[in-house]
N, C-alpha and C. Protein backbone atom coordinates (compact mmCIF):
# COMPACT_ATOMS: atom_id res chain seq x y z
N MET A 1 18.68 -3.09 16.81
CA MET A 1 17.75 -2.94 16.08
C MET A 1 17.32 -3.08 14.59
N PRO A 2 17.02 -3.41 13.55
CA PRO A 2 17.09 -3.17 12.01
C PRO A 2 17.32 -1.64 11.68
N ASP A 3 17.08 -1.41 10.87
CA ASP A 3 17.88 0.26 9.48
C ASP A 3 16.72 0.87 9.44
N MET A 4 15.70 1.35 10.18
CA MET A 4 14.45 2.19 9.68
C MET A 4 14.33 2.56 8.78
N LEU A 5 13.28 2.00 7.83
CA LEU A 5 12.75 2.43 6.48
C LEU A 5 11.73 2.96 6.86
N ARG A 6 11.51 4.07 5.70
CA ARG A 6 10.10 5.03 5.85
C ARG A 6 9.40 4.66 4.59
N GLY A 7 8.20 4.82 5.25
CA GLY A 7 6.89 4.74 4.02
C GLY A 7 5.42 5.94 4.06
N ILE A 8 4.64 5.63 3.47
CA ILE A 8 3.40 6.00 4.03
C ILE A 8 2.36 5.40 3.29
N THR A 9 1.19 5.32 4.14
CA THR A 9 -0.05 4.54 3.89
C THR A 9 -1.20 5.09 3.73
N ILE A 10 -1.83 4.56 2.18
CA ILE A 10 -2.64 5.05 1.11
C ILE A 10 -4.24 3.91 1.16
N ASP A 11 -5.10 4.70 1.77
CA ASP A 11 -5.67 4.00 1.80
C ASP A 11 -7.46 4.36 2.00
N ASP A 12 -8.52 3.91 1.90
CA ASP A 12 -9.79 5.16 2.07
C ASP A 12 -9.80 5.82 3.28
N VAL A 13 -10.23 6.84 3.25
CA VAL A 13 -9.89 8.02 3.79
C VAL A 13 -11.02 7.70 5.34
N THR A 14 -11.58 6.20 5.64
CA THR A 14 -12.39 5.80 6.72
C THR A 14 -11.31 4.58 7.40
N THR A 15 -10.02 4.07 6.55
CA THR A 15 -10.07 2.76 6.95
C THR A 15 -9.56 3.51 8.55
N ARG A 16 -8.77 1.95 8.82
CA ARG A 16 -8.50 2.48 10.84
C ARG A 16 -7.52 0.90 10.04
N ASP A 17 -7.47 0.27 10.00
CA ASP A 17 -6.93 -0.79 9.71
C ASP A 17 -5.16 -0.72 8.64
N MET A 18 -4.75 0.37 9.26
CA MET A 18 -3.53 0.65 7.52
C MET A 18 -2.42 0.04 8.46
N ASP A 19 -2.40 -1.45 7.56
CA ASP A 19 -1.54 -2.02 7.51
C ASP A 19 0.20 -2.53 6.55
N ASP A 20 -0.18 -1.83 5.45
CA ASP A 20 0.30 -2.02 4.66
C ASP A 20 0.34 -0.60 4.38
N ALA A 21 2.26 0.18 3.73
CA ALA A 21 2.47 0.63 3.32
C ALA A 21 4.01 0.99 1.56
N ILE A 22 4.06 1.84 1.44
CA ILE A 22 5.33 2.22 -0.37
C ILE A 22 6.38 3.24 -0.06
N TRP A 23 7.42 3.39 0.00
CA TRP A 23 7.98 4.03 -0.57
C TRP A 23 7.92 4.01 -1.56
N VAL A 24 8.58 4.78 -2.51
CA VAL A 24 9.15 4.82 -3.86
C VAL A 24 10.21 5.78 -4.10
N GLU A 25 11.74 5.87 -4.68
CA GLU A 25 12.70 6.64 -5.29
C GLU A 25 13.21 6.37 -6.32
N ILE A 26 14.35 7.13 -7.28
CA ILE A 26 14.34 7.35 -8.10
C ILE A 26 15.56 7.13 -7.79
N THR A 27 17.13 5.87 -9.08
CA THR A 27 17.83 5.40 -8.39
C THR A 27 18.92 5.97 -9.48
N GLU A 28 20.14 6.88 -8.78
CA GLU A 28 21.49 6.42 -9.44
C GLU A 28 21.51 5.74 -10.73
N ASN A 29 20.77 6.43 -12.42
CA ASN A 29 22.43 4.64 -13.03
C ASN A 29 21.52 4.20 -12.86
N VAL A 30 20.25 3.45 -12.21
CA VAL A 30 19.04 2.36 -12.30
C VAL A 30 17.72 2.21 -12.88
N GLY A 31 17.50 2.83 -11.88
CA GLY A 31 16.07 2.96 -12.11
C GLY A 31 15.21 3.20 -10.84
N TRP A 32 14.20 2.15 -10.24
CA TRP A 32 13.11 2.23 -10.05
C TRP A 32 13.80 1.58 -8.34
N HIS A 33 13.92 2.41 -6.94
CA HIS A 33 13.73 1.55 -5.86
C HIS A 33 12.52 1.62 -5.29
N VAL A 34 11.69 0.71 -4.64
CA VAL A 34 10.68 0.27 -4.42
C VAL A 34 10.40 -0.75 -2.80
N VAL A 35 10.04 -0.18 -1.91
CA VAL A 35 9.69 -0.56 -1.08
C VAL A 35 8.11 -0.88 -1.17
N VAL A 36 7.69 -2.24 -0.23
CA VAL A 36 6.40 -2.34 -0.17
C VAL A 36 6.64 -2.92 0.81
N MET A 37 5.20 -2.07 2.39
CA MET A 37 5.40 -2.93 3.66
C MET A 37 4.53 -3.87 3.86
N ILE A 38 4.43 -4.13 5.19
CA ILE A 38 3.43 -4.84 5.85
C ILE A 38 3.21 -5.05 7.22
N THR A 39 1.86 -5.00 7.54
CA THR A 39 2.44 -5.54 9.24
C THR A 39 2.85 -6.18 9.45
N ASP A 40 4.06 -6.45 10.77
CA ASP A 40 4.80 -7.57 10.87
C ASP A 40 3.90 -8.45 11.87
N VAL A 41 2.88 -9.42 11.63
CA VAL A 41 1.62 -9.60 12.38
C VAL A 41 2.66 -10.54 13.84
N ALA A 42 3.48 -11.32 13.47
CA ALA A 42 4.26 -12.51 14.40
C ALA A 42 4.51 -11.87 15.38
N LYS A 43 4.90 -10.44 15.37
CA LYS A 43 5.79 -9.40 16.08
C LYS A 43 4.58 -9.49 17.45
N VAL A 44 2.81 -10.06 17.40
CA VAL A 44 2.58 -9.71 18.32
C VAL A 44 1.96 -11.17 18.48
N ILE A 45 1.28 -11.69 17.34
CA ILE A 45 1.14 -13.26 18.00
C ILE A 45 1.42 -13.91 17.36
N SER A 46 1.24 -14.64 18.88
CA SER A 46 2.03 -15.77 18.50
C SER A 46 1.65 -16.99 17.93
N LYS A 47 2.30 -17.77 17.43
CA LYS A 47 2.29 -18.86 16.63
C LYS A 47 1.54 -20.56 17.19
N HIS A 48 0.57 -20.74 17.26
CA HIS A 48 -0.13 -21.28 17.99
C HIS A 48 -1.16 -20.65 18.63
N SER A 49 -0.92 -19.87 18.92
CA SER A 49 -2.30 -19.09 20.08
C SER A 49 -3.05 -18.78 19.41
N GLU A 50 -4.12 -18.57 20.78
CA GLU A 50 -5.83 -18.08 20.16
C GLU A 50 -6.49 -17.45 19.29
N LEU A 51 -4.90 -16.19 18.90
CA LEU A 51 -5.09 -15.35 17.72
C LEU A 51 -5.25 -15.74 16.69
N ASP A 52 -4.07 -16.74 17.33
CA ASP A 52 -2.83 -17.33 15.78
C ASP A 52 -4.86 -17.44 14.77
N ARG A 53 -5.45 -18.41 15.70
CA ARG A 53 -6.13 -20.23 15.52
C ARG A 53 -7.25 -18.86 14.46
N LEU A 54 -7.50 -18.11 15.60
CA LEU A 54 -8.54 -17.58 15.11
C LEU A 54 -8.45 -16.83 13.90
N ALA A 55 -7.14 -16.10 13.50
CA ALA A 55 -6.99 -15.72 12.18
C ALA A 55 -6.58 -16.00 11.29
N MET A 56 -6.67 -17.63 11.18
CA MET A 56 -6.22 -18.83 10.17
C MET A 56 -7.23 -19.90 9.75
N SER A 57 -8.68 -19.29 10.81
CA SER A 57 -10.22 -19.10 10.90
C SER A 57 -10.39 -18.14 10.01
N ARG A 58 -9.78 -16.88 9.79
CA ARG A 58 -11.12 -16.40 9.01
C ARG A 58 -9.72 -15.87 8.09
N ILE A 59 -8.81 -15.69 7.43
CA ILE A 59 -7.85 -16.05 6.63
C ILE A 59 -8.07 -14.72 6.52
N GLU A 60 -8.24 -13.60 5.96
CA GLU A 60 -8.37 -12.27 5.71
C GLU A 60 -9.60 -11.41 6.33
N THR A 61 -8.93 -9.96 6.48
CA THR A 61 -9.96 -9.62 6.67
C THR A 61 -11.43 -8.64 5.54
N ARG A 62 -12.24 -9.26 5.80
CA ARG A 62 -13.87 -8.88 4.27
C ARG A 62 -14.25 -7.54 4.73
N TYR A 63 -14.26 -7.02 3.42
CA TYR A 63 -14.75 -5.70 3.29
C TYR A 63 -16.38 -5.49 3.19
N TYR A 64 -17.48 -4.68 2.70
CA TYR A 64 -18.57 -4.90 3.09
C TYR A 64 -18.72 -3.62 2.81
N ALA A 65 -20.02 -3.40 2.31
CA ALA A 65 -20.16 -1.79 1.51
C ALA A 65 -20.46 -1.35 2.69
N ASN A 66 -20.31 -1.49 3.74
CA ASN A 66 -20.95 -0.59 5.15
C ASN A 66 -19.69 -1.46 6.63
N GLY A 67 -18.80 -1.71 6.17
CA GLY A 67 -17.68 -2.06 6.92
C GLY A 67 -17.27 -3.13 7.03
N ASN A 68 -15.97 -3.49 7.78
CA ASN A 68 -15.80 -4.56 6.96
C ASN A 68 -15.49 -5.75 8.37
N SER A 69 -15.21 -7.29 8.52
CA SER A 69 -14.96 -7.79 9.41
C SER A 69 -13.84 -7.72 10.11
N PRO A 70 -12.87 -8.09 10.78
CA PRO A 70 -11.41 -8.04 10.39
C PRO A 70 -11.09 -9.28 10.52
N MET A 71 -9.37 -9.64 10.42
CA MET A 71 -8.99 -11.27 10.67
C MET A 71 -8.60 -10.90 12.22
N LEU A 72 -8.51 -9.90 12.62
CA LEU A 72 -7.92 -9.99 14.20
C LEU A 72 -8.41 -9.47 14.70
N PRO A 73 -8.36 -9.09 15.99
CA PRO A 73 -9.76 -7.94 16.86
C PRO A 73 -9.42 -6.55 16.32
N ARG A 74 -9.63 -5.77 16.52
CA ARG A 74 -10.07 -4.72 15.91
C ARG A 74 -9.30 -3.88 17.20
N ARG A 75 -8.77 -4.31 18.29
CA ARG A 75 -7.76 -3.63 19.13
C ARG A 75 -6.39 -3.57 19.10
N LEU A 76 -5.86 -4.58 17.60
CA LEU A 76 -5.19 -5.02 17.41
C LEU A 76 -4.74 -5.01 16.02
N ALA A 77 -6.30 -4.96 15.77
CA ALA A 77 -6.07 -4.12 13.64
C ALA A 77 -6.43 -3.05 13.54
N ASP A 78 -6.82 -2.29 14.48
CA ASP A 78 -6.54 -1.01 13.80
C ASP A 78 -5.76 0.53 15.27
N GLU A 79 -5.30 -0.59 15.63
CA GLU A 79 -4.25 0.18 16.88
C GLU A 79 -3.24 -0.60 16.88
N LYS A 80 -2.90 -1.27 17.00
CA LYS A 80 -1.23 -1.95 18.26
C LYS A 80 -0.23 -2.67 16.60
N LEU A 81 -1.25 -3.06 15.20
CA LEU A 81 -0.59 -3.21 13.91
C LEU A 81 -0.64 -2.41 13.11
N SER A 82 -1.44 -1.01 13.36
CA SER A 82 -1.22 -0.10 12.57
C SER A 82 -0.28 0.81 12.27
N LEU A 83 -0.35 0.90 11.08
CA LEU A 83 1.33 1.87 10.97
C LEU A 83 0.98 3.40 10.75
N TRP A 84 0.73 4.10 12.21
CA TRP A 84 -0.12 5.43 11.88
C TRP A 84 1.25 6.09 12.14
N PRO A 85 0.99 7.03 11.25
CA PRO A 85 2.33 8.31 11.29
C PRO A 85 2.83 8.56 12.71
N GLU A 86 4.31 8.63 12.48
CA GLU A 86 5.49 8.73 13.28
C GLU A 86 5.30 7.85 14.88
N GLU A 87 5.07 6.84 14.60
CA GLU A 87 4.71 5.35 15.50
C GLU A 87 6.31 4.79 14.12
N SER A 88 7.03 3.83 15.20
CA SER A 88 8.15 2.81 14.71
C SER A 88 6.96 1.67 15.07
N LYS A 89 7.09 0.82 13.41
CA LYS A 89 6.35 -0.84 13.59
C LYS A 89 7.25 -1.78 13.35
N TYR A 90 7.48 -2.48 13.36
CA TYR A 90 7.75 -3.78 12.64
C TYR A 90 7.08 -4.42 11.54
N VAL A 91 7.90 -4.78 9.95
CA VAL A 91 6.36 -5.04 9.27
C VAL A 91 7.78 -6.47 8.47
N LEU A 92 6.90 -6.62 7.28
CA LEU A 92 7.66 -7.84 6.61
C LEU A 92 7.72 -6.29 5.45
N ALA A 93 9.51 -6.33 5.13
CA ALA A 93 9.30 -5.05 3.94
C ALA A 93 9.66 -6.13 2.20
N VAL A 94 9.05 -6.11 0.93
CA VAL A 94 9.87 -6.20 -0.28
C VAL A 94 10.80 -4.80 -0.56
N ASP A 95 11.65 -5.20 -0.85
CA ASP A 95 12.92 -4.21 -1.61
C ASP A 95 13.25 -4.53 -3.04
N ILE A 96 12.69 -3.69 -3.59
CA ILE A 96 12.40 -4.52 -4.82
C ILE A 96 13.28 -3.02 -5.72
N VAL A 97 14.04 -3.34 -6.77
CA VAL A 97 15.17 -2.17 -7.71
C VAL A 97 14.34 -2.48 -9.50
N LEU A 98 14.34 -1.73 -9.57
CA LEU A 98 13.75 -2.39 -10.82
C LEU A 98 14.67 -1.50 -12.69
N GLY A 99 14.73 -1.41 -13.36
CA GLY A 99 15.37 -0.97 -14.26
C GLY A 99 14.71 0.42 -14.72
N MET A 100 15.19 1.41 -15.58
CA MET A 100 14.12 2.19 -16.09
C MET A 100 13.62 1.68 -17.35
N ASN A 101 13.40 -0.21 -17.38
CA ASN A 101 12.11 -0.45 -18.25
C ASN A 101 11.73 -1.98 -17.84
N LEU A 102 11.55 -1.31 -16.40
CA LEU A 102 10.79 -2.15 -14.92
C LEU A 102 11.13 -3.67 -14.94
N SER A 103 11.91 -4.00 -15.84
CA SER A 103 13.00 -4.97 -14.63
C SER A 103 13.13 -5.26 -14.14
N ILE A 104 13.15 -7.01 -13.26
CA ILE A 104 13.11 -6.41 -11.03
C ILE A 104 14.79 -7.23 -11.52
N LEU A 105 15.95 -6.42 -11.59
CA LEU A 105 17.62 -6.16 -10.99
C LEU A 105 17.34 -6.74 -9.71
N GLU A 106 17.02 -6.81 -8.38
CA GLU A 106 16.50 -6.69 -7.16
C GLU A 106 15.98 -7.22 -6.19
N THR A 107 16.06 -7.91 -5.51
CA THR A 107 15.04 -8.18 -4.56
C THR A 107 15.33 -8.21 -2.79
N ARG A 108 14.73 -8.49 -2.18
CA ARG A 108 15.03 -8.79 -0.92
C ARG A 108 13.83 -8.82 0.46
N LEU A 109 13.75 -9.36 0.73
CA LEU A 109 12.43 -9.76 1.45
C LEU A 109 13.29 -9.30 3.15
N LEU A 110 13.09 -8.78 3.60
CA LEU A 110 12.89 -8.17 5.77
C LEU A 110 12.22 -7.82 6.38
N ARG A 111 12.88 -8.74 7.24
CA ARG A 111 12.18 -7.85 8.41
C ARG A 111 12.68 -6.94 9.02
N THR A 112 11.92 -6.03 9.34
CA THR A 112 12.46 -5.22 9.83
C THR A 112 11.71 -3.51 10.59
N VAL A 113 12.23 -2.32 10.88
CA VAL A 113 11.33 -1.61 11.41
C VAL A 113 11.73 -0.25 10.22
N MET A 114 9.81 0.39 10.54
CA MET A 114 9.47 1.16 9.49
C MET A 114 8.65 3.01 10.56
N ILE A 115 8.75 3.60 9.91
CA ILE A 115 8.26 4.67 10.50
C ILE A 115 6.94 5.52 9.40
N SER A 116 6.33 5.47 9.13
CA SER A 116 5.31 5.91 8.25
C SER A 116 4.98 7.91 8.71
N GLU A 117 5.50 8.52 7.22
CA GLU A 117 5.56 9.95 7.72
C GLU A 117 4.17 10.88 6.83
N ALA A 118 3.43 9.15 7.21
CA ALA A 118 2.15 10.26 6.31
C ALA A 118 0.76 8.83 6.33
N ARG A 119 -0.44 9.60 6.27
CA ARG A 119 -1.17 8.26 6.23
C ARG A 119 -2.25 9.60 4.95
N LEU A 120 -2.07 8.84 4.46
CA LEU A 120 -2.73 9.37 3.07
C LEU A 120 -4.94 9.56 3.15
N SER A 121 -5.39 9.39 2.50
CA SER A 121 -6.38 8.73 2.19
C SER A 121 -6.49 8.58 0.49
N PHE A 122 -7.20 8.02 -0.17
CA PHE A 122 -7.20 7.77 -2.45
C PHE A 122 -7.72 9.01 -2.55
N SER A 123 -8.46 10.01 -2.05
CA SER A 123 -9.34 11.19 -2.35
C SER A 123 -7.58 12.10 -1.44
N ASP A 124 -6.89 12.03 -1.47
CA ASP A 124 -5.63 13.14 -0.98
C ASP A 124 -4.30 13.48 -1.63
N VAL A 125 -4.85 12.01 -2.75
CA VAL A 125 -4.00 11.83 -3.54
C VAL A 125 -4.07 12.62 -5.16
N PRO A 126 -5.18 12.99 -6.00
CA PRO A 126 -4.80 14.09 -6.68
C PRO A 126 -4.58 15.92 -6.36
N ARG A 127 -4.92 15.83 -5.04
CA ARG A 127 -4.40 16.94 -4.80
C ARG A 127 -3.01 16.86 -3.99
N ILE A 128 -2.40 16.43 -3.49
CA ILE A 128 -1.08 15.84 -3.88
C ILE A 128 0.54 16.37 -4.73
N LEU A 129 -0.69 15.25 -6.09
CA LEU A 129 -0.35 15.72 -7.30
C LEU A 129 -0.51 17.24 -7.73
N SER A 130 -1.09 17.92 -7.68
CA SER A 130 -1.14 19.33 -7.98
C SER A 130 -0.46 20.40 -6.91
N ASP A 131 -0.11 19.77 -6.13
CA ASP A 131 0.72 21.21 -5.03
C ASP A 131 1.85 20.56 -4.60
N ARG A 132 2.27 21.52 -5.85
CA ARG A 132 4.14 21.58 -5.73
C ARG A 132 4.32 21.68 -4.22
N GLU A 133 4.36 22.34 -3.48
CA GLU A 133 4.28 22.74 -2.43
C GLU A 133 4.33 21.79 -1.33
N HIS A 134 3.48 20.30 -1.18
CA HIS A 134 3.17 19.15 -0.24
C HIS A 134 4.43 18.64 -0.20
N THR A 135 4.24 17.99 1.14
CA THR A 135 5.31 17.98 1.47
C THR A 135 5.51 16.41 1.27
N GLN A 136 4.73 15.67 -0.11
CA GLN A 136 4.73 14.16 -0.08
C GLN A 136 4.79 14.21 -1.35
N HIS A 137 4.53 15.45 -2.03
CA HIS A 137 3.93 15.79 -3.45
C HIS A 137 5.45 14.84 -4.90
N ALA A 138 7.27 15.30 -4.33
CA ALA A 138 7.52 13.76 -4.94
C ALA A 138 7.36 12.69 -4.73
N LEU A 139 6.80 12.32 -3.61
CA LEU A 139 6.11 10.23 -3.40
C LEU A 139 5.87 10.05 -4.13
N ILE A 140 5.12 10.71 -3.53
CA ILE A 140 3.74 10.60 -5.01
C ILE A 140 3.67 11.28 -6.17
N LYS A 141 4.42 11.77 -6.79
CA LYS A 141 4.03 11.86 -8.26
C LYS A 141 4.80 10.64 -8.79
N LEU A 142 6.13 10.71 -8.39
CA LEU A 142 7.45 9.14 -8.78
C LEU A 142 5.76 8.04 -8.45
N ALA A 143 5.27 8.10 -6.89
CA ALA A 143 4.45 6.39 -7.03
C ALA A 143 3.23 6.45 -8.27
N SER A 144 2.84 7.53 -8.60
CA SER A 144 2.16 7.95 -9.88
C SER A 144 2.87 7.75 -11.13
N GLN A 145 3.65 8.15 -11.05
CA GLN A 145 4.43 7.53 -12.64
C GLN A 145 5.05 6.53 -12.57
N LEU A 146 5.28 5.62 -11.29
CA LEU A 146 5.81 4.63 -11.68
C LEU A 146 4.22 3.53 -11.79
N ALA A 147 3.34 3.36 -10.70
CA ALA A 147 1.89 2.99 -11.03
C ALA A 147 1.33 2.84 -12.84
N ASN A 148 1.77 4.61 -13.05
CA ASN A 148 0.94 4.08 -14.76
C ASN A 148 2.04 3.24 -15.71
N ASP A 149 3.14 3.91 -15.39
CA ASP A 149 4.27 2.57 -16.06
C ASP A 149 3.68 0.89 -16.20
N LEU A 150 3.53 0.69 -15.28
CA LEU A 150 3.79 -0.46 -14.23
C LEU A 150 2.42 -1.38 -14.75
N LEU A 151 0.84 -1.02 -14.87
CA LEU A 151 -0.09 -0.58 -15.17
C LEU A 151 -0.12 -0.45 -17.07
N THR A 152 0.68 0.03 -17.48
CA THR A 152 0.11 -0.10 -18.85
C THR A 152 1.26 -1.25 -19.51
N GLN A 153 2.75 -1.54 -18.38
CA GLN A 153 3.31 -2.73 -18.54
C GLN A 153 2.36 -4.04 -18.42
N ARG A 154 1.57 -3.89 -17.99
CA ARG A 154 0.12 -4.42 -17.55
C ARG A 154 -0.63 -5.24 -18.54
N ARG A 155 -0.79 -4.29 -19.52
CA ARG A 155 -1.76 -4.25 -20.02
C ARG A 155 -1.23 -4.61 -21.61
N ASN A 156 -0.25 -3.86 -21.56
CA ASN A 156 0.91 -4.75 -22.93
C ASN A 156 0.22 -6.24 -22.53
N LEU A 157 1.00 -6.77 -21.32
CA LEU A 157 1.42 -8.39 -21.64
C LEU A 157 -0.11 -9.19 -21.53
N GLY A 158 -1.15 -8.30 -21.05
CA GLY A 158 -2.08 -9.23 -21.66
C GLY A 158 -3.47 -8.93 -19.99
N ALA A 159 -2.88 -8.20 -19.33
CA ALA A 159 -3.76 -8.82 -17.60
C ALA A 159 -4.60 -7.97 -17.87
N LEU A 160 -5.45 -8.14 -17.16
CA LEU A 160 -6.96 -7.46 -17.41
C LEU A 160 -6.50 -6.53 -15.61
N ALA A 161 -6.66 -5.16 -16.25
CA ALA A 161 -6.35 -4.43 -14.96
C ALA A 161 -6.75 -3.17 -14.98
N PHE A 162 -8.08 -2.93 -14.87
CA PHE A 162 -8.87 -1.79 -15.33
C PHE A 162 -9.08 -1.08 -14.36
N TYR A 163 -8.48 0.54 -14.80
CA TYR A 163 -8.90 1.49 -14.17
C TYR A 163 -9.40 2.47 -15.53
N ASP A 164 -10.29 2.98 -14.88
CA ASP A 164 -11.09 4.42 -15.70
C ASP A 164 -11.04 5.54 -14.93
N LEU A 165 -9.99 6.37 -15.33
CA LEU A 165 -9.77 7.76 -14.61
C LEU A 165 -11.19 8.50 -14.60
N GLY A 166 -11.81 8.08 -15.99
CA GLY A 166 -12.42 8.83 -16.55
C GLY A 166 -13.99 8.73 -15.42
N ARG A 167 -14.29 8.05 -16.09
CA ARG A 167 -15.51 7.67 -15.22
C ARG A 167 -15.66 6.91 -13.58
N GLY A 168 -14.06 6.91 -12.96
CA GLY A 168 -14.10 6.33 -10.95
C GLY A 168 -14.28 5.03 -11.31
N LEU A 169 -13.87 4.54 -12.46
CA LEU A 169 -13.97 2.60 -12.35
C LEU A 169 -12.51 1.46 -11.71
N VAL A 170 -12.48 0.94 -10.79
CA VAL A 170 -11.72 0.08 -10.61
C VAL A 170 -12.23 -1.29 -10.09
N THR A 171 -11.24 -2.29 -10.55
CA THR A 171 -10.94 -3.16 -9.83
C THR A 171 -10.16 -3.74 -8.64
N ASN A 172 -11.55 -4.09 -7.38
CA ASN A 172 -10.96 -4.05 -6.38
C ASN A 172 -10.12 -5.26 -6.43
N GLU A 173 -9.79 -5.89 -5.08
CA GLU A 173 -8.78 -6.22 -4.85
C GLU A 173 -8.91 -8.11 -5.22
N GLU A 174 -11.07 -8.25 -5.00
CA GLU A 174 -11.93 -9.86 -5.46
C GLU A 174 -11.61 -9.96 -7.30
N GLY A 175 -11.58 -8.39 -8.27
CA GLY A 175 -10.77 -8.75 -9.37
C GLY A 175 -12.58 -8.06 -9.90
N SER A 176 -13.27 -7.70 -8.68
CA SER A 176 -14.91 -7.23 -8.89
C SER A 176 -14.54 -5.90 -9.38
N ILE A 177 -15.64 -4.80 -10.60
CA ILE A 177 -15.77 -4.03 -10.42
C ILE A 177 -16.38 -3.16 -9.66
N LYS A 178 -15.44 -2.23 -9.29
CA LYS A 178 -16.21 -1.44 -8.11
C LYS A 178 -15.84 0.54 -8.58
N GLN A 179 -17.10 1.04 -8.40
CA GLN A 179 -17.37 2.63 -8.77
C GLN A 179 -16.66 3.11 -7.66
N LEU A 180 -16.22 4.36 -7.33
CA LEU A 180 -15.53 5.43 -6.29
C LEU A 180 -16.82 6.29 -6.41
N ARG A 181 -16.20 6.89 -5.69
CA ARG A 181 -17.95 7.61 -4.88
C ARG A 181 -17.22 9.22 -5.93
N ARG A 182 -15.66 9.25 -5.66
CA ARG A 182 -15.31 10.63 -6.18
C ARG A 182 -14.21 10.05 -7.18
N ARG A 183 -13.71 10.43 -9.03
CA ARG A 183 -13.59 10.03 -9.87
C ARG A 183 -12.06 9.93 -9.75
N GLU A 184 -11.37 11.17 -8.56
CA GLU A 184 -10.30 11.22 -8.73
C GLU A 184 -9.37 11.26 -7.68
N ASP A 185 -10.50 9.90 -6.92
CA ASP A 185 -9.94 8.25 -6.17
C ASP A 185 -8.90 7.39 -6.91
N THR A 186 -9.64 7.48 -8.19
CA THR A 186 -8.35 6.16 -9.18
C THR A 186 -7.31 6.48 -8.95
N ILE A 187 -6.87 7.22 -9.35
CA ILE A 187 -5.37 7.78 -9.26
C ILE A 187 -4.44 6.76 -8.39
N GLY A 188 -4.46 7.03 -6.49
CA GLY A 188 -4.40 6.33 -5.63
C GLY A 188 -4.57 5.18 -5.43
N TYR A 189 -5.92 4.43 -5.69
CA TYR A 189 -6.40 3.06 -6.58
C TYR A 189 -4.66 2.09 -7.10
N VAL A 190 -5.09 3.34 -8.64
CA VAL A 190 -3.81 2.89 -9.26
C VAL A 190 -2.59 2.51 -9.09
N ILE A 191 -1.87 3.32 -7.51
CA ILE A 191 -0.31 3.65 -7.03
C ILE A 191 -0.97 2.71 -6.23
N ILE A 192 -1.36 2.35 -5.79
CA ILE A 192 -0.95 0.70 -4.47
C ILE A 192 -1.85 -0.77 -5.00
């Protein structure tokens, strides 16, 4: 079995299909070590199977104001494929080393196993940042610092990446502006 990676998930408090995770560290004399992980669906769904054809026809999970329409059946998406804390799961991982100036120094693609150390919601992030005693404080602080630095860099290079921390406005994955219920949740969106 491959080396076990660590990660955390950050999603909406109501999310049941937690299929992505992150890990951030500072490396000595180099910069940042970032790992982005997503559930390895191929470990559960056979190529050309009925479930594979269903997923290909849907292409993605669709999100609506009152729920979602998952790409895969909920028994898989919400349970077997979700990165629940303390459960080892197969993932596809992008392992990235960034210099202190945020330049990409190295990348690796891995098929490996990870264990989630925590299931966090966007609304947990501000509380964790203000609580030095929280077990995830150091990780969230690093992730927040890196996310804000990357956001600044993207904006300086001309990207339209909109996060208004004061008003709780963000651009979602489709590029639409979304008003968050709680403006404090914004930093979690910036991290992810």
